[in-house]
Amino acid sequence: MPRLAANLTMMYAEHAFLDRFKAAASDGFQGVEFLFPYEFAAADLKSRLQDNGLTQALFNAPPGDWAAGERGIASLPGREAEFQRGLDQALEYAAQLGNRSLHVMAGLIRADQNRAAHREVYLKNLARAAAAAASAGITIVIEPINTRDIPGFFLNRQDDAQAICAEVGADNLKVQFDCYHCQIVEGDIAVKLQRDIAGIGHIQIAGVPDRHEPDLGELHYPYLFERIDALGYTGWIGCEYRPRAGTSAGLGWARPYLHNQ
């Protein structure tokens, strides 16, 4: 039975952000995730989690200048010191919020830039991040993202992400397997889940191609949930989608799973 976490960045947008915790709990979610916590005090977020009986499943390390279009800095040469400062901040938040997974975004690369140089920086930053997170019992996750949603993103394929984790060689460095991104780039999701399950640290879902509710589009999630259960995955499955209308009204697909969490 999947353990579903509501993504509060995308879901419940009809509420102010801090009110989304209560809305998610009222609908039966026991876990939440979101992109970034840093505009709020960690203590305020912690109180929302505690007041609503929620577990923080995941959030992202600082991504650079998001408003200016940056989408992570882990692979960007010359930004290593900034990456380390952001990682320190993220780990401080994780210590208060209690999540055991932290997503580190790779960043963008232009066609005229040296991919090998970016990859070298990425590997070094990930090794440092995993080492820093290990003592806190935190897993660093990296996510392949499709280039339709984020053109130029450094990491796009599951096999590449798994190879990077293997090369770094840290037990607490794993892949964030987003079914939406994987379907757009590669497809064959059930086979890739089976192939890579030992190296998967977090799973996310959304309908394809429009990133609405998971019961809309070309993926059949009831089957995938059965396969994920059979593979022994017991972590959170983040619902990272944009509701087509009201969030609660669109949760018919999730209610059998939320009722049994």
Protein backbone atom coordinates (compact mmCIF):
# COMPACT_ATOMS: atom_id res chain seq x y z
CA MET A 1 0.00 0.00 0.00
CA PRO A 2 1.64 3.29 -1.05
CA ARG A 3 2.44 5.89 1.59
CA LEU A 4 1.37 9.10 -0.11
CA ALA A 5 2.84 12.49 0.70
CA ALA A 6 1.12 15.63 -0.56
CA ASN A 7 3.41 18.04 -2.37
CA LEU A 8 2.41 21.35 -0.81
CA THR A 9 4.17 23.43 -3.45
CA MET A 10 1.83 22.16 -6.17
CA MET A 11 -1.20 20.92 -4.25
CA TYR A 12 -3.63 22.98 -2.14
CA ALA A 13 -2.67 26.18 -3.95
CA GLU A 14 -6.16 27.46 -3.08
CA HIS A 15 -4.82 27.94 0.48
CA ALA A 16 -2.02 30.08 1.87
CA PHE A 17 1.09 27.92 2.18
CA LEU A 18 1.05 27.46 5.95
CA ASP A 19 -2.62 26.50 5.79
CA ARG A 20 -1.90 23.69 3.34
CA PHE A 21 -0.63 21.43 6.12
CA LYS A 22 -4.05 21.33 7.78
CA ALA A 23 -5.81 20.89 4.44
CA ALA A 24 -3.62 17.91 3.55
CA ALA A 25 -4.12 16.29 6.96
CA SER A 26 -7.88 16.81 6.70
CA ASP A 27 -7.87 14.85 3.45
CA GLY A 28 -6.04 11.95 5.08
CA PHE A 29 -2.42 12.56 4.14
CA GLN A 30 0.09 11.60 6.79
CA GLY A 31 3.13 12.97 4.99
CA VAL A 32 4.01 16.11 3.06
CA GLU A 33 6.81 17.37 0.87
CA PHE A 34 7.52 20.68 -0.86
CA LEU A 35 10.24 22.35 -2.88
CA PHE A 36 11.79 24.86 -0.47
CA PRO A 37 11.19 25.82 3.17
CA TYR A 38 13.55 28.76 3.44
CA GLU A 39 11.14 31.68 3.37
CA PHE A 40 9.62 30.35 6.61
CA ALA A 41 11.18 29.79 10.01
CA ALA A 42 11.85 26.12 10.62
CA ALA A 43 10.04 26.37 13.97
CA ASP A 44 6.86 27.57 12.26
CA LEU A 45 6.93 24.70 9.79
CA LYS A 46 7.65 22.22 12.56
CA SER A 47 4.63 23.42 14.51
CA ARG A 48 2.40 22.93 11.46
CA LEU A 49 3.67 19.40 11.07
CA GLN A 50 3.16 18.59 14.74
CA ASP A 51 -0.24 20.26 15.02
CA ASN A 52 -1.54 18.20 12.10
CA GLY A 53 0.18 14.89 12.82
CA LEU A 54 2.24 15.05 9.62
CA THR A 55 5.65 13.71 8.67
CA GLN A 56 7.98 15.79 6.52
CA ALA A 57 9.06 13.45 3.72
CA LEU A 58 11.31 15.62 1.55
CA PHE A 59 12.38 19.09 0.52
CA ASN A 60 15.11 20.54 -1.71
CA ALA A 61 18.42 22.14 -0.87
CA PRO A 62 18.71 25.79 -2.00
CA PRO A 63 18.77 25.87 -5.83
CA GLY A 64 20.63 29.11 -6.51
CA ASP A 65 18.58 32.03 -7.84
CA TRP A 66 15.26 30.31 -8.58
CA ALA A 67 13.51 33.54 -9.60
CA ALA A 68 16.22 34.19 -12.19
CA GLY A 69 15.76 30.72 -13.68
CA GLU A 70 18.43 28.70 -11.89
CA ARG A 71 17.45 25.12 -11.12
CA GLY A 72 20.15 23.91 -8.79
CA ILE A 73 23.88 24.53 -8.49
CA ALA A 74 25.34 21.13 -7.57
CA SER A 75 26.95 20.67 -11.01
CA LEU A 76 27.98 24.29 -11.61
CA PRO A 77 31.74 24.97 -11.61
CA GLY A 78 32.70 27.92 -9.43
CA ARG A 79 29.64 27.64 -7.17
CA GLU A 80 31.03 25.06 -4.75
CA ALA A 81 31.20 27.36 -1.73
CA GLU A 82 27.63 28.52 -2.31
CA PHE A 83 26.52 24.91 -2.63
CA GLN A 84 28.14 24.07 0.70
CA ARG A 85 26.45 27.00 2.45
CA GLY A 86 23.09 25.95 1.03
CA LEU A 87 23.64 22.36 2.10
CA ASP A 88 24.43 23.49 5.64
CA GLN A 89 21.21 25.49 5.72
CA ALA A 90 19.19 22.57 4.37
CA LEU A 91 20.60 20.20 6.97
CA GLU A 92 19.71 22.67 9.73
CA TYR A 93 16.11 22.71 8.49
CA ALA A 94 16.04 18.93 8.17
CA ALA A 95 17.22 18.57 11.76
CA GLN A 96 14.17 20.52 12.91
CA LEU A 97 11.60 19.18 10.46
CA GLY A 98 12.68 15.57 10.87
CA ASN A 99 12.82 14.51 7.23
CA ARG A 100 15.33 11.84 6.28
CA SER A 101 15.58 12.67 2.56
CA LEU A 102 17.02 15.82 0.99
CA HIS A 103 16.89 16.53 -2.74
CA VAL A 104 19.91 18.22 -4.32
CA MET A 105 19.18 19.70 -7.77
CA ALA A 106 21.92 19.38 -10.38
CA GLY A 107 21.39 22.61 -12.30
CA LEU A 108 21.42 23.70 -15.94
CA ILE A 109 24.07 23.26 -18.60
CA ARG A 110 24.26 25.03 -21.95
CA ALA A 111 25.17 23.19 -25.13
CA ASP A 112 28.45 25.12 -25.34
CA GLN A 113 29.57 24.21 -21.81
CA ASN A 114 31.91 21.38 -20.85
CA ARG A 115 29.79 18.49 -19.62
CA ALA A 116 32.74 16.58 -18.23
CA ALA A 117 33.71 19.57 -16.07
CA HIS A 118 30.15 19.87 -14.76
CA ARG A 119 30.05 16.15 -14.00
CA GLU A 120 33.31 16.34 -12.05
CA VAL A 121 31.95 19.17 -9.90
CA TYR A 122 28.67 17.30 -9.46
CA LEU A 123 30.41 14.16 -8.20
CA LYS A 124 32.55 16.09 -5.73
CA ASN A 125 29.62 18.09 -4.39
CA LEU A 126 27.48 14.97 -4.02
CA ALA A 127 30.27 13.17 -2.15
CA ARG A 128 30.58 16.10 0.25
CA ALA A 129 26.81 16.32 0.67
CA ALA A 130 26.45 12.60 1.40
CA ALA A 131 29.28 12.71 3.93
CA ALA A 132 27.78 15.74 5.70
CA ALA A 133 24.31 14.16 5.76
CA ALA A 134 25.39 10.72 6.90
CA SER A 135 25.94 11.63 10.55
CA ALA A 136 22.35 12.97 10.70
CA GLY A 137 20.91 9.82 9.14
CA ILE A 138 19.82 11.73 6.04
CA THR A 139 19.80 10.38 2.49
CA ILE A 140 20.73 12.74 -0.34
CA VAL A 141 18.65 12.13 -3.47
CA ILE A 142 19.25 13.28 -7.03
CA GLU A 143 16.49 13.49 -9.63
CA PRO A 144 16.56 13.07 -13.40
CA ILE A 145 14.24 15.75 -14.84
CA ASN A 146 12.81 15.89 -18.35
CA THR A 147 14.07 18.59 -20.69
CA ARG A 148 10.58 19.57 -21.79
CA ASP A 149 9.79 21.02 -18.37
CA ILE A 150 13.33 22.21 -17.63
CA PRO A 151 15.34 22.59 -20.85
CA GLY A 152 19.06 22.14 -20.29
CA PHE A 153 18.78 20.30 -16.97
CA PHE A 154 22.01 18.39 -16.37
CA LEU A 155 20.51 15.05 -15.29
CA ASN A 156 17.78 13.43 -17.41
CA ARG A 157 18.04 9.63 -17.35
CA GLN A 158 17.64 7.02 -14.64
CA ASP A 159 20.67 4.98 -15.70
CA ASP A 160 22.89 8.07 -15.61
CA ALA A 161 21.65 8.95 -12.12
CA GLN A 162 22.28 5.43 -10.88
CA ALA A 163 25.76 5.45 -12.41
CA ILE A 164 26.57 8.73 -10.65
CA CYS A 165 25.45 7.32 -7.31
CA ALA A 166 27.55 4.20 -7.88
CA GLU A 167 30.61 6.28 -8.78
CA VAL A 168 30.28 8.41 -5.63
CA GLY A 169 29.83 5.20 -3.65
CA ALA A 170 27.99 6.61 -0.64
CA ASP A 171 25.33 4.41 0.95
CA ASN A 172 23.15 7.46 1.64
CA LEU A 173 23.14 8.79 -1.95
CA LYS A 174 20.17 7.55 -3.97
CA VAL A 175 17.92 8.45 -6.87
CA GLN A 176 14.62 10.28 -6.67
CA PHE A 177 12.49 8.35 -9.17
CA ASP A 178 9.81 10.67 -10.54
CA CYS A 179 7.46 8.60 -12.70
CA TYR A 180 6.30 11.70 -14.57
CA HIS A 181 9.79 12.71 -15.67
CA CYS A 182 10.82 9.13 -16.42
CA GLN A 183 7.80 8.48 -18.62
CA ILE A 184 8.47 11.59 -20.71
CA VAL A 185 12.16 10.85 -21.21
CA GLU A 186 12.31 7.05 -21.26
CA GLY A 187 9.07 5.20 -20.54
CA ASP A 188 9.16 1.51 -19.52
CA ILE A 189 8.66 2.59 -15.92
CA ALA A 190 7.85 -0.77 -14.32
CA VAL A 191 11.00 -2.34 -15.74
CA LYS A 192 13.17 0.56 -14.61
CA LEU A 193 11.69 0.44 -11.11
CA GLN A 194 12.54 -3.25 -10.89
CA ARG A 195 16.03 -2.70 -12.28
CA ASP A 196 16.89 0.20 -9.97
CA ILE A 197 14.81 -0.29 -6.82
CA ALA A 198 17.84 -0.84 -4.57
CA GLY A 199 19.13 2.59 -5.53
CA ILE A 200 15.84 4.49 -5.28
CA GLY A 201 15.43 6.73 -2.25
CA HIS A 202 12.17 8.51 -3.04
CA ILE A 203 9.36 8.16 -5.59
CA GLN A 204 7.07 10.83 -7.05
CA ILE A 205 3.98 10.62 -9.24
CA ALA A 206 1.83 12.72 -11.56
CA GLY A 207 -0.34 12.24 -14.60
CA VAL A 208 1.38 12.31 -17.99
CA PRO A 209 1.51 14.41 -20.12
CA ASP A 210 -0.21 17.30 -18.31
CA ARG A 211 1.05 16.78 -14.74
CA HIS A 212 -2.45 16.70 -13.29
CA GLU A 213 -3.93 14.01 -11.03
CA PRO A 214 -2.36 10.56 -11.43
CA ASP A 215 -5.60 9.06 -12.72
CA LEU A 216 -5.45 11.37 -15.76
CA GLY A 217 -3.22 10.51 -18.71
CA GLU A 218 -1.25 7.61 -20.02
CA LEU A 219 0.12 5.97 -16.85
CA HIS A 220 -1.84 3.36 -14.90
CA TYR A 221 -0.77 3.98 -11.32
CA PRO A 222 -2.75 1.19 -9.61
CA TYR A 223 -0.56 -1.27 -11.51
CA LEU A 224 2.61 0.66 -10.68
CA PHE A 225 1.67 0.83 -7.00
CA GLU A 226 1.30 -2.96 -6.98
CA ARG A 227 4.70 -3.35 -8.60
CA ILE A 228 6.30 -0.90 -6.14
CA ASP A 229 4.82 -2.83 -3.20
CA ALA A 230 6.03 -6.12 -4.67
CA LEU A 231 9.56 -4.70 -4.96
CA GLY A 232 9.56 -3.99 -1.22
CA TYR A 233 9.65 -0.20 -1.36
CA THR A 234 8.32 1.24 1.89
CA GLY A 235 9.26 4.91 1.53
CA TRP A 236 7.06 7.87 0.73
CA ILE A 237 5.50 8.47 -2.68
CA GLY A 238 5.25 12.19 -3.29
CA CYS A 239 2.20 13.49 -5.15
CA GLU A 240 3.94 16.19 -7.16
CA TYR A 241 1.18 17.29 -9.51
CA ARG A 242 -0.91 20.35 -10.31
CA PRO A 243 -4.58 19.64 -9.54
CA ARG A 244 -6.82 20.30 -12.49
CA ALA A 245 -9.34 22.07 -10.25
CA GLY A 246 -9.66 22.01 -6.45
CA THR A 247 -7.15 19.72 -4.76
CA SER A 248 -9.60 17.95 -2.45
CA ALA A 249 -12.18 17.47 -5.19
CA GLY A 250 -9.59 15.69 -7.33
CA LEU A 251 -8.50 13.16 -4.71
CA GLY A 252 -10.89 10.39 -5.68
CA TRP A 253 -7.96 8.37 -7.03
CA ALA A 254 -6.13 8.60 -3.68
CA ARG A 255 -8.87 7.95 -1.16
CA PRO A 256 -8.52 4.15 -1.07
CA TYR A 257 -4.83 4.56 -0.26
CA LEU A 258 -5.23 7.43 2.19
CA HIS A 259 -7.94 5.54 4.07
CA ASN A 260 -5.58 2.62 4.63
CA GLN A 261 -2.38 4.46 5.56
